[in-house]
PDB file of all heavy atoms in Angstrom:
ATOM      1  N   ASN A   1      88.688  68.387 105.912  1.00  0.00           N
ATOM      2  CA  ASN A   1      89.708  68.817 106.813  1.00  0.00           C
ATOM      3  C   ASN A   1      89.670  70.386 106.893  1.00  0.00           C
ATOM      4  O   ASN A   1      89.988  70.885 108.026  1.00  0.00           O
ATOM      5  CB  ASN A   1      91.071  68.408 106.111  1.00  0.00           C
ATOM      6  CG  ASN A   1      92.004  67.536 106.952  1.00  0.00           C
ATOM      7  OD1 ASN A   1      91.469  66.930 107.895  1.00  0.00           O
ATOM      8  ND2 ASN A   1      93.281  67.643 106.752  1.00  0.00           N
ATOM      9  N   GLN A   2      89.336  71.034 105.965  1.00  0.00           N
ATOM     10  CA  GLN A   2      89.257  72.493 105.898  1.00  0.00           C
ATOM     11  C   GLN A   2      88.127  72.871 106.913  1.00  0.00           C
ATOM     12  O   GLN A   2      88.349  73.908 107.745  1.00  0.00           O
ATOM     13  CB  GLN A   2      88.948  73.026 104.632  1.00  0.00           C
ATOM     14  CG  GLN A   2      88.922  74.618 104.553  1.00  0.00           C
ATOM     15  CD  GLN A   2      88.769  74.981 103.013  1.00  0.00           C
ATOM     16  OE1 GLN A   2      88.922  74.249 102.139  1.00  0.00           O
ATOM     17  NE2 GLN A   2      88.464  76.300 102.912  1.00  0.00           N
ATOM     18  N   VAL A   3      87.021  72.219 107.034  1.00  0.00           N
ATOM     19  CA  VAL A   3      86.025  72.574 108.017  1.00  0.00           C
ATOM     20  C   VAL A   3      86.555  72.302 109.408  1.00  0.00           C
ATOM     21  O   VAL A   3      86.204  73.078 110.386  1.00  0.00           O
ATOM     22  CB  VAL A   3      84.697  71.728 107.747  1.00  0.00           C
ATOM     23  CG1 VAL A   3      83.710  71.844 108.836  1.00  0.00           C
ATOM     24  CG2 VAL A   3      84.165  72.158 106.434  1.00  0.00           C
ATOM     25  N   ASP A   4      87.258  71.166 109.627  1.00  0.00           N
ATOM     26  CA  ASP A   4      87.961  70.975 110.951  1.00  0.00           C
ATOM     27  C   ASP A   4      88.834  72.061 111.326  1.00  0.00           C
ATOM     28  O   ASP A   4      88.778  72.609 112.467  1.00  0.00           O
ATOM     29  CB  ASP A   4      88.723  69.691 110.874  1.00  0.00           C
ATOM     30  CG  ASP A   4      87.971  68.413 111.026  1.00  0.00           C
ATOM     31  OD1 ASP A   4      86.887  68.394 111.533  1.00  0.00           O
ATOM     32  OD2 ASP A   4      88.466  67.368 110.563  1.00  0.00           O
ATOM     33  N   ALA A   5      89.572  72.597 110.325  1.00  0.00           N
ATOM     34  CA  ALA A   5      90.497  73.723 110.639  1.00  0.00           C
ATOM     35  C   ALA A   5      89.695  75.041 111.016  1.00  0.00           C
ATOM     36  O   ALA A   5      90.105  75.698 111.938  1.00  0.00           O
ATOM     37  CB  ALA A   5      91.477  73.979 109.402  1.00  0.00           C
ATOM     38  N   GLU A   6      88.571  75.223 110.248  1.00  0.00           N
ATOM     39  CA  GLU A   6      87.824  76.384 110.599  1.00  0.00           C
ATOM     40  C   GLU A   6      87.185  76.406 111.969  1.00  0.00           C
ATOM     41  O   GLU A   6      87.110  77.401 112.596  1.00  0.00           O
ATOM     42  CB  GLU A   6      86.732  76.373 109.568  1.00  0.00           C
ATOM     43  CG  GLU A   6      87.226  76.862 108.076  1.00  0.00           C
ATOM     44  CD  GLU A   6      86.118  76.763 107.116  1.00  0.00           C
ATOM     45  OE1 GLU A   6      85.013  76.177 107.407  1.00  0.00           O
ATOM     46  OE2 GLU A   6      86.370  77.271 105.919  1.00  0.00           O
ATOM     47  N   GLN A   7      86.831  75.235 112.365  1.00  0.00           N
ATOM     48  CA  GLN A   7      86.350  75.059 113.786  1.00  0.00           C
ATOM     49  C   GLN A   7      87.349  75.218 114.799  1.00  0.00           C
ATOM     50  O   GLN A   7      87.181  75.907 115.833  1.00  0.00           O
ATOM     51  CB  GLN A   7      85.654  73.709 113.931  1.00  0.00           C
ATOM     52  CG  GLN A   7      84.350  73.578 113.224  1.00  0.00           C
ATOM     53  CD  GLN A   7      83.612  72.228 113.272  1.00  0.00           C
ATOM     54  OE1 GLN A   7      84.331  71.245 113.516  1.00  0.00           O
ATOM     55  NE2 GLN A   7      82.360  72.238 113.305  1.00  0.00           N
ATOM     56  N   MET A   8      88.617  74.677 114.568  1.00  0.00           N
ATOM     57  CA  MET A   8      89.724  74.850 115.455  1.00  0.00           C
ATOM     58  C   MET A   8      90.179  76.353 115.493  1.00  0.00           C
ATOM     59  O   MET A   8      90.491  76.914 116.636  1.00  0.00           O
ATOM     60  CB  MET A   8      90.893  74.068 115.098  1.00  0.00           C
ATOM     61  CG  MET A   8      90.656  72.486 115.390  1.00  0.00           C
ATOM     62  SD  MET A   8      92.150  71.514 115.159  1.00  0.00           S
ATOM     63  CE  MET A   8      92.194  71.340 113.516  1.00  0.00           C
ATOM     64  N   MET A   9      90.064  77.048 114.416  1.00  0.00           N
ATOM     65  CA  MET A   9      90.353  78.448 114.340  1.00  0.00           C
ATOM     66  C   MET A   9      89.511  79.216 115.309  1.00  0.00           C
ATOM     67  O   MET A   9      89.840  80.176 115.991  1.00  0.00           O
ATOM     68  CB  MET A   9      90.352  78.977 112.875  1.00  0.00           C
ATOM     69  CG  MET A   9      91.423  78.469 111.992  1.00  0.00           C
ATOM     70  SD  MET A   9      91.240  79.051 110.328  1.00  0.00           S
ATOM     71  CE  MET A   9      91.301  80.917 110.418  1.00  0.00           C
ATOM     72  N   ALA A  10      88.215  78.877 115.185  1.00  0.00           N
ATOM     73  CA  ALA A  10      87.182  79.643 115.957  1.00  0.00           C
ATOM     74  C   ALA A  10      87.495  79.486 117.544  1.00  0.00           C
ATOM     75  O   ALA A  10      87.405  80.404 118.343  1.00  0.00           O
ATOM     76  CB  ALA A  10      85.811  79.215 115.623  1.00  0.00           C
ATOM     77  N   LYS A  11      87.798  78.307 117.860  1.00  0.00           N
ATOM     78  CA  LYS A  11      88.113  77.912 119.331  1.00  0.00           C
ATOM     79  C   LYS A  11      89.397  78.724 119.867  1.00  0.00           C
ATOM     80  O   LYS A  11      89.344  79.288 120.954  1.00  0.00           O
ATOM     81  CB  LYS A  11      88.200  76.428 119.514  1.00  0.00           C
ATOM     82  CG  LYS A  11      86.921  75.665 119.374  1.00  0.00           C
ATOM     83  CD  LYS A  11      87.207  74.102 119.526  1.00  0.00           C
ATOM     84  CE  LYS A  11      85.882  73.390 119.628  1.00  0.00           C
ATOM     85  NZ  LYS A  11      85.083  73.596 118.472  1.00  0.00           N
ATOM     86  N   ILE A  12      90.382  78.759 118.930  1.00  0.00           N
ATOM     87  CA  ILE A  12      91.620  79.384 119.209  1.00  0.00           C
ATOM     88  C   ILE A  12      91.315  80.942 119.325  1.00  0.00           C
ATOM     89  O   ILE A  12      91.878  81.603 120.142  1.00  0.00           O
ATOM     90  CB  ILE A  12      92.788  79.116 118.263  1.00  0.00           C
ATOM     91  CG1 ILE A  12      93.061  77.440 118.334  1.00  0.00           C
ATOM     92  CG2 ILE A  12      93.993  79.899 118.480  1.00  0.00           C
ATOM     93  CD1 ILE A  12      93.861  76.981 117.245  1.00  0.00           C
ATOM     94  N   ALA A  13      90.724  81.444 118.415  1.00  0.00           N
ATOM     95  CA  ALA A  13      90.434  82.929 118.405  1.00  0.00           C
ATOM     96  C   ALA A  13      89.556  83.332 119.548  1.00  0.00           C
ATOM     97  O   ALA A  13      89.767  84.458 120.069  1.00  0.00           O
ATOM     98  CB  ALA A  13      89.655  83.276 117.003  1.00  0.00           C
ATOM     99  N   ASP A  14      88.712  82.508 120.028  1.00  0.00           N
ATOM    100  CA  ASP A  14      87.929  82.865 121.197  1.00  0.00           C
ATOM    101  C   ASP A  14      88.814  83.064 122.383  1.00  0.00           C
ATOM    102  O   ASP A  14      88.403  83.663 123.460  1.00  0.00           O
ATOM    103  CB  ASP A  14      86.902  81.789 121.527  1.00  0.00           C
ATOM    104  CG  ASP A  14      85.662  81.846 120.585  1.00  0.00           C
ATOM    105  OD1 ASP A  14      85.477  82.933 119.941  1.00  0.00           O
ATOM    106  OD2 ASP A  14      84.825  81.033 120.494  1.00  0.00           O
ATOM    107  N   ARG A  15      90.015  82.522 122.501  1.00  0.00           N
ATOM    108  CA  ARG A  15      90.989  82.642 123.580  1.00  0.00           C
ATOM    109  C   ARG A  15      91.878  83.916 123.361  1.00  0.00           C
ATOM    110  O   ARG A  15      92.682  84.144 124.265  1.00  0.00           O
ATOM    111  CB  ARG A  15      91.777  81.368 123.694  1.00  0.00           C
ATOM    112  CG  ARG A  15      91.103  80.136 124.115  1.00  0.00           C
ATOM    113  CD  ARG A  15      90.663  80.150 125.437  1.00  0.00           C
ATOM    114  NE  ARG A  15      89.698  78.998 125.811  1.00  0.00           N
ATOM    115  CZ  ARG A  15      90.328  77.881 126.247  1.00  0.00           C
ATOM    116  NH1 ARG A  15      91.576  77.753 126.507  1.00  0.00           N
ATOM    117  NH2 ARG A  15      89.488  76.885 126.643  1.00  0.00           N
ATOM    118  N   GLY A  16      91.633  84.597 122.366  1.00  0.00           N
ATOM    119  CA  GLY A  16      92.281  85.900 122.147  1.00  0.00           C
ATOM    120  C   GLY A  16      93.624  85.784 121.372  1.00  0.00           C
ATOM    121  O   GLY A  16      94.356  86.793 121.251  1.00  0.00           O
ATOM    122  N   TYR A  17      93.963  84.645 120.796  1.00  0.00           N
ATOM    123  CA  TYR A  17      95.134  84.614 119.959  1.00  0.00           C
ATOM    124  C   TYR A  17      94.882  85.343 118.552  1.00  0.00           C
ATOM    125  O   TYR A  17      93.873  85.383 118.070  1.00  0.00           O
ATOM    126  CB  TYR A  17      95.459  83.203 119.676  1.00  0.00           C
ATOM    127  CG  TYR A  17      95.930  82.417 120.890  1.00  0.00           C
ATOM    128  CD1 TYR A  17      95.030  81.568 121.700  1.00  0.00           C
ATOM    129  CD2 TYR A  17      97.286  82.448 121.365  1.00  0.00           C
ATOM    130  CE1 TYR A  17      95.424  81.012 122.791  1.00  0.00           C
ATOM    131  CE2 TYR A  17      97.708  81.751 122.503  1.00  0.00           C
ATOM    132  CZ  TYR A  17      96.778  81.052 123.266  1.00  0.00           C
ATOM    133  OH  TYR A  17      97.176  80.409 124.366  1.00  0.00           O
ATOM    134  N   ALA A  18      96.076  85.837 118.099  1.00  0.00           N
ATOM    135  CA  ALA A  18      95.979  86.436 116.909  1.00  0.00           C
ATOM    136  C   ALA A  18      96.550  85.504 115.696  1.00  0.00           C
ATOM    137  O   ALA A  18      97.361  84.806 115.907  1.00  0.00           O
ATOM    138  CB  ALA A  18      96.878  87.762 116.799  1.00  0.00           C
ATOM    139  N   PHE A  19      95.777  85.541 114.590  1.00  0.00           N
ATOM    140  CA  PHE A  19      96.213  84.650 113.400  1.00  0.00           C
ATOM    141  C   PHE A  19      97.011  85.494 112.389  1.00  0.00           C
ATOM    142  O   PHE A  19      96.825  86.682 112.173  1.00  0.00           O
ATOM    143  CB  PHE A  19      94.937  84.042 112.755  1.00  0.00           C
ATOM    144  CG  PHE A  19      94.311  82.977 113.559  1.00  0.00           C
ATOM    145  CD1 PHE A  19      93.136  83.250 114.162  1.00  0.00           C
ATOM    146  CD2 PHE A  19      94.827  81.775 113.580  1.00  0.00           C
ATOM    147  CE1 PHE A  19      92.491  82.139 114.893  1.00  0.00           C
ATOM    148  CE2 PHE A  19      94.316  80.679 114.253  1.00  0.00           C
ATOM    149  CZ  PHE A  19      93.070  80.902 115.004  1.00  0.00           C
ATOM    150  N   VAL A  20      98.046  84.773 111.814  1.00  0.00           N
ATOM    151  CA  VAL A  20      98.771  85.289 110.781  1.00  0.00           C
ATOM    152  C   VAL A  20      98.774  84.258 109.743  1.00  0.00           C
ATOM    153  O   VAL A  20      98.666  83.120 109.912  1.00  0.00           O
ATOM    154  CB  VAL A  20     100.272  85.610 111.184  1.00  0.00           C
ATOM    155  CG1 VAL A  20     100.286  86.733 112.270  1.00  0.00           C
ATOM    156  CG2 VAL A  20     100.964  84.334 111.719  1.00  0.00           C
ATOM    157  N   ALA A  21      98.886  84.713 108.396  1.00  0.00           N
ATOM    158  CA  ALA A  21      98.837  83.852 107.303  1.00  0.00           C
ATOM    159  C   ALA A  21     100.106  83.121 106.974  1.00  0.00           C
ATOM    160  O   ALA A  21     100.134  81.945 106.457  1.00  0.00           O
ATOM    161  CB  ALA A  21      98.316  84.696 106.093  1.00  0.00           C
ATOM    162  N   GLU A  22     101.125  83.855 107.295  1.00  0.00           N
ATOM    163  CA  GLU A  22     102.535  83.357 107.037  1.00  0.00           C
ATOM    164  C   GLU A  22     103.121  82.538 108.169  1.00  0.00           C
ATOM    165  O   GLU A  22     103.312  83.071 109.233  1.00  0.00           O
ATOM    166  CB  GLU A  22     103.487  84.388 106.597  1.00  0.00           C
ATOM    167  CG  GLU A  22     104.924  83.976 106.358  1.00  0.00           C
ATOM    168  CD  GLU A  22     105.043  83.165 105.024  1.00  0.00           C
ATOM    169  OE1 GLU A  22     104.307  83.388 104.040  1.00  0.00           O
ATOM    170  OE2 GLU A  22     105.842  82.231 105.098  1.00  0.00           O
ATOM    171  N   PRO A  23     103.296  81.178 108.058  1.00  0.00           N
ATOM    172  CA  PRO A  23     103.805  80.447 109.298  1.00  0.00           C
ATOM    173  C   PRO A  23     105.110  80.987 109.901  1.00  0.00           C
ATOM    174  O   PRO A  23     105.213  80.938 111.013  1.00  0.00           O
ATOM    175  CB  PRO A  23     103.999  79.103 108.642  1.00  0.00           C
ATOM    176  CG  PRO A  23     103.098  78.934 107.552  1.00  0.00           C
ATOM    177  CD  PRO A  23     103.008  80.350 106.951  1.00  0.00           C
ATOM    178  N   GLY A  24     105.928  81.559 109.045  1.00  0.00           N
ATOM    179  CA  GLY A  24     107.183  82.038 109.541  1.00  0.00           C
ATOM    180  C   GLY A  24     107.053  83.232 110.342  1.00  0.00           C
ATOM    181  O   GLY A  24     108.011  83.720 110.997  1.00  0.00           O
ATOM    182  N   MET A  25     105.872  83.872 110.437  1.00  0.00           N
ATOM    183  CA  MET A  25     105.681  85.051 111.326  1.00  0.00           C
ATOM    184  C   MET A  25     104.872  84.692 112.492  1.00  0.00           C
ATOM    185  O   MET A  25     104.498  85.518 113.384  1.00  0.00           O
ATOM    186  CB  MET A  25     104.830  86.016 110.444  1.00  0.00           C
ATOM    187  CG  MET A  25     105.606  86.679 109.306  1.00  0.00           C
ATOM    188  SD  MET A  25     104.543  87.654 108.240  1.00  0.00           S
ATOM    189  CE  MET A  25     104.306  89.141 109.408  1.00  0.00           C
ATOM    190  N   ALA A  26     104.619  83.309 112.721  1.00  0.00           N
ATOM    191  CA  ALA A  26     103.821  82.866 113.903  1.00  0.00           C
ATOM    192  C   ALA A  26     104.662  82.384 115.067  1.00  0.00           C
ATOM    193  O   ALA A  26     105.920  82.133 114.893  1.00  0.00           O
ATOM    194  CB  ALA A  26     102.838  81.707 113.520  1.00  0.00           C
ATOM    195  N   ASP A  27     104.172  82.347 116.225  1.00  0.00           N
ATOM    196  CA  ASP A  27     104.870  81.749 117.404  1.00  0.00           C
ATOM    197  C   ASP A  27     104.550  80.340 117.464  1.00  0.00           C
ATOM    198  O   ASP A  27     105.319  79.356 117.728  1.00  0.00           O
ATOM    199  CB  ASP A  27     104.331  82.437 118.644  1.00  0.00           C
ATOM    200  CG  ASP A  27     104.777  83.894 118.720  1.00  0.00           C
ATOM    201  OD1 ASP A  27     105.928  84.216 118.642  1.00  0.00           O
ATOM    202  OD2 ASP A  27     103.808  84.734 118.810  1.00  0.00           O
ATOM    203  N   ILE A  28     103.171  80.065 117.224  1.00  0.00           N
ATOM    204  CA  ILE A  28     102.664  78.590 117.255  1.00  0.00           C
ATOM    205  C   ILE A  28     102.147  78.259 115.794  1.00  0.00           C
ATOM    206  O   ILE A  28     101.205  79.083 115.415  1.00  0.00           O
ATOM    207  CB  ILE A  28     101.611  78.353 118.266  1.00  0.00           C
ATOM    208  CG1 ILE A  28     102.259  78.743 119.724  1.00  0.00           C
ATOM    209  CG2 ILE A  28     101.080  76.922 118.269  1.00  0.00           C
ATOM    210  CD1 ILE A  28     101.149  78.694 120.799  1.00  0.00           C
ATOM    211  N   VAL A  29     102.554  77.179 115.234  1.00  0.00           N
ATOM    212  CA  VAL A  29     101.975  76.781 113.911  1.00  0.00           C
ATOM    213  C   VAL A  29     101.378  75.434 114.099  1.00  0.00           C
ATOM    214  O   VAL A  29     101.872  74.402 114.601  1.00  0.00           O
ATOM    215  CB  VAL A  29     103.094  76.704 112.806  1.00  0.00           C
ATOM    216  CG1 VAL A  29     102.454  76.301 111.525  1.00  0.00           C
ATOM    217  CG2 VAL A  29     103.850  77.955 112.659  1.00  0.00           C
ATOM    218  N   LEU A  30     100.125  75.394 113.542  1.00  0.00           N
ATOM    219  CA  LEU A  30      99.314  74.139 113.637  1.00  0.00           C
ATOM    220  C   LEU A  30      99.146  73.715 112.212  1.00  0.00           C
ATOM    221  O   LEU A  30      98.706  74.497 111.354  1.00  0.00           O
ATOM    222  CB  LEU A  30      97.993  74.360 114.235  1.00  0.00           C
ATOM    223  CG  LEU A  30      97.022  73.132 114.415  1.00  0.00           C
ATOM    224  CD1 LEU A  30      95.992  73.585 115.669  1.00  0.00           C
ATOM    225  CD2 LEU A  30      96.227  72.961 113.185  1.00  0.00           C
ATOM    226  N   VAL A  31      99.581  72.437 111.859  1.00  0.00           N
ATOM    227  CA  VAL A  31      99.444  71.918 110.590  1.00  0.00           C
ATOM    228  C   VAL A  31      98.473  70.748 110.618  1.00  0.00           C
ATOM    229  O   VAL A  31      98.572  69.785 111.353  1.00  0.00           O
ATOM    230  CB  VAL A  31     100.905  71.442 109.961  1.00  0.00           C
ATOM    231  CG1 VAL A  31     101.655  70.476 110.916  1.00  0.00           C
ATOM    232  CG2 VAL A  31     100.685  70.801 108.519  1.00  0.00           C
TER     233      VAL A  31
END
């Protein structure tokens, strides 16, 4: 599952989105 998440992170990052570690500080949360 962690590898799946890492691949999804790369795809999302390529679109220019910024990642935050704390869900409460995000606009969109993927679980």
